[in-house]
Amino acid sequence: MGSSLEWTILRPSWFMQNFSEGGFLDDVLAGEVSAPDSGAGEPWVDLEDVADIAVAALLDDGHTGEV
């Protein structure tokens, strides 16, 4: 059964804040950061940018049903 609700999916992954507030902060302060490397490109994104996109998805037309 289908739903009449509108939806949009945001799926950010690696956040720049990991270096200044999160799990990599101690490594940054120690001068060495290591992370797993699958060989695939991985975008780093700022959470403020994610918030901007979420606002646009909620308020602007054209995002319904998009990932």
C-alpha atoms as a PDB file:
ATOM      1  CA  MET A   1       0.000   0.000   0.000  1.00  0.00           C
ATOM      2  CA  GLY A   2       1.379   3.424  -0.930  1.00  0.00           C
ATOM      3  CA  SER A   3       1.574   6.479   1.266  1.00  0.00           C
ATOM      4  CA  SER A   4       0.374   9.977   0.505  1.00  0.00           C
ATOM      5  CA  LEU A   5       3.212  11.433   2.588  1.00  0.00           C
ATOM      6  CA  GLU A   6       5.913  13.366   0.758  1.00  0.00           C
ATOM      7  CA  TRP A   7       9.501  12.429   1.501  1.00  0.00           C
ATOM      8  CA  THR A   8      13.086  13.332   0.674  1.00  0.00           C
ATOM      9  CA  ILE A   9      16.139  11.388   1.832  1.00  0.00           C
ATOM     10  CA  LEU A  10      19.422  13.052   2.792  1.00  0.00           C
ATOM     11  CA  ARG A  11      22.338  10.701   3.322  1.00  0.00           C
ATOM     12  CA  PRO A  12      25.489  12.525   4.308  1.00  0.00           C
ATOM     13  CA  SER A  13      28.269  10.407   5.727  1.00  0.00           C
ATOM     14  CA  TRP A  14      31.617  11.825   6.869  1.00  0.00           C
ATOM     15  CA  PHE A  15      31.410  15.161   8.669  1.00  0.00           C
ATOM     16  CA  MET A  16      34.108  17.828   8.904  1.00  0.00           C
ATOM     17  CA  GLN A  17      33.139  18.241  12.569  1.00  0.00           C
ATOM     18  CA  ASN A  18      34.714  14.825  13.218  1.00  0.00           C
ATOM     19  CA  PHE A  19      38.056  16.657  13.134  1.00  0.00           C
ATOM     20  CA  SER A  20      37.127  19.484  15.491  1.00  0.00           C
ATOM     21  CA  GLU A  21      34.473  18.001  17.772  1.00  0.00           C
ATOM     22  CA  GLY A  22      34.295  14.255  17.251  1.00  0.00           C
ATOM     23  CA  GLY A  23      36.180  11.017  17.084  1.00  0.00           C
ATOM     24  CA  PHE A  24      39.243  12.344  15.248  1.00  0.00           C
ATOM     25  CA  LEU A  25      39.902  15.316  17.539  1.00  0.00           C
ATOM     26  CA  ASP A  26      42.450  13.518  19.725  1.00  0.00           C
ATOM     27  CA  ASP A  27      44.266  12.278  16.616  1.00  0.00           C
ATOM     28  CA  VAL A  28      44.288  15.785  15.115  1.00  0.00           C
ATOM     29  CA  LEU A  29      45.723  17.194  18.325  1.00  0.00           C
ATOM     30  CA  ALA A  30      48.364  14.423  18.320  1.00  0.00           C
ATOM     31  CA  GLY A  31      49.277  15.296  14.721  1.00  0.00           C
ATOM     32  CA  GLU A  32      48.208  12.076  12.999  1.00  0.00           C
ATOM     33  CA  VAL A  33      44.825  11.013  11.646  1.00  0.00           C
ATOM     34  CA  SER A  34      44.147   7.586  10.194  1.00  0.00           C
ATOM     35  CA  ALA A  35      40.916   6.161   8.859  1.00  0.00           C
ATOM     36  CA  PRO A  36      39.900   3.106   6.838  1.00  0.00           C
ATOM     37  CA  ASP A  37      40.352   3.501   3.091  1.00  0.00           C
ATOM     38  CA  SER A  38      38.139   1.518   0.759  1.00  0.00           C
ATOM     39  CA  GLY A  39      39.674   3.193  -2.272  1.00  0.00           C
ATOM     40  CA  ALA A  40      36.362   4.844  -3.095  1.00  0.00           C
ATOM     41  CA  GLY A  41      35.992   8.598  -3.043  1.00  0.00           C
ATOM     42  CA  GLU A  42      34.353   9.810   0.144  1.00  0.00           C
ATOM     43  CA  PRO A  43      32.888  13.298   0.410  1.00  0.00           C
ATOM     44  CA  TRP A  44      33.492  15.215   3.633  1.00  0.00           C
ATOM     45  CA  VAL A  45      30.644  17.590   4.416  1.00  0.00           C
ATOM     46  CA  ASP A  46      30.043  20.307   6.987  1.00  0.00           C
ATOM     47  CA  LEU A  47      26.910  19.803   9.077  1.00  0.00           C
ATOM     48  CA  GLU A  48      25.885  23.410   8.391  1.00  0.00           C
ATOM     49  CA  ASP A  49      25.727  22.496   4.689  1.00  0.00           C
ATOM     50  CA  VAL A  50      23.576  19.477   5.521  1.00  0.00           C
ATOM     51  CA  ALA A  51      21.243  21.784   7.463  1.00  0.00           C
ATOM     52  CA  ASP A  52      21.015  24.164   4.484  1.00  0.00           C
ATOM     53  CA  ILE A  53      20.085  21.288   2.184  1.00  0.00           C
ATOM     54  CA  ALA A  54      17.500  19.993   4.668  1.00  0.00           C
ATOM     55  CA  VAL A  55      15.863  23.427   4.814  1.00  0.00           C
ATOM     56  CA  ALA A  56      15.796  23.607   1.014  1.00  0.00           C
ATOM     57  CA  ALA A  57      14.295  20.121   0.794  1.00  0.00           C
ATOM     58  CA  LEU A  58      11.570  21.064   3.257  1.00  0.00           C
ATOM     59  CA  LEU A  59      10.706  24.485   1.863  1.00  0.00           C
ATOM     60  CA  ASP A  60      11.458  24.432  -1.877  1.00  0.00           C
ATOM     61  CA  ASP A  61       9.523  22.560  -4.545  1.00  0.00           C
ATOM     62  CA  GLY A  62      11.156  19.819  -6.564  1.00  0.00           C
ATOM     63  CA  HIS A  63      12.701  17.633  -3.876  1.00  0.00           C
ATOM     64  CA  THR A  64       9.792  15.309  -3.140  1.00  0.00           C
ATOM     65  CA  GLY A  65      10.656  11.666  -3.732  1.00  0.00           C
ATOM     66  CA  GLU A  66      14.355  12.423  -4.245  1.00  0.00           C
ATOM     67  CA  VAL A  67      17.408  10.905  -2.598  1.00  0.00           C
END
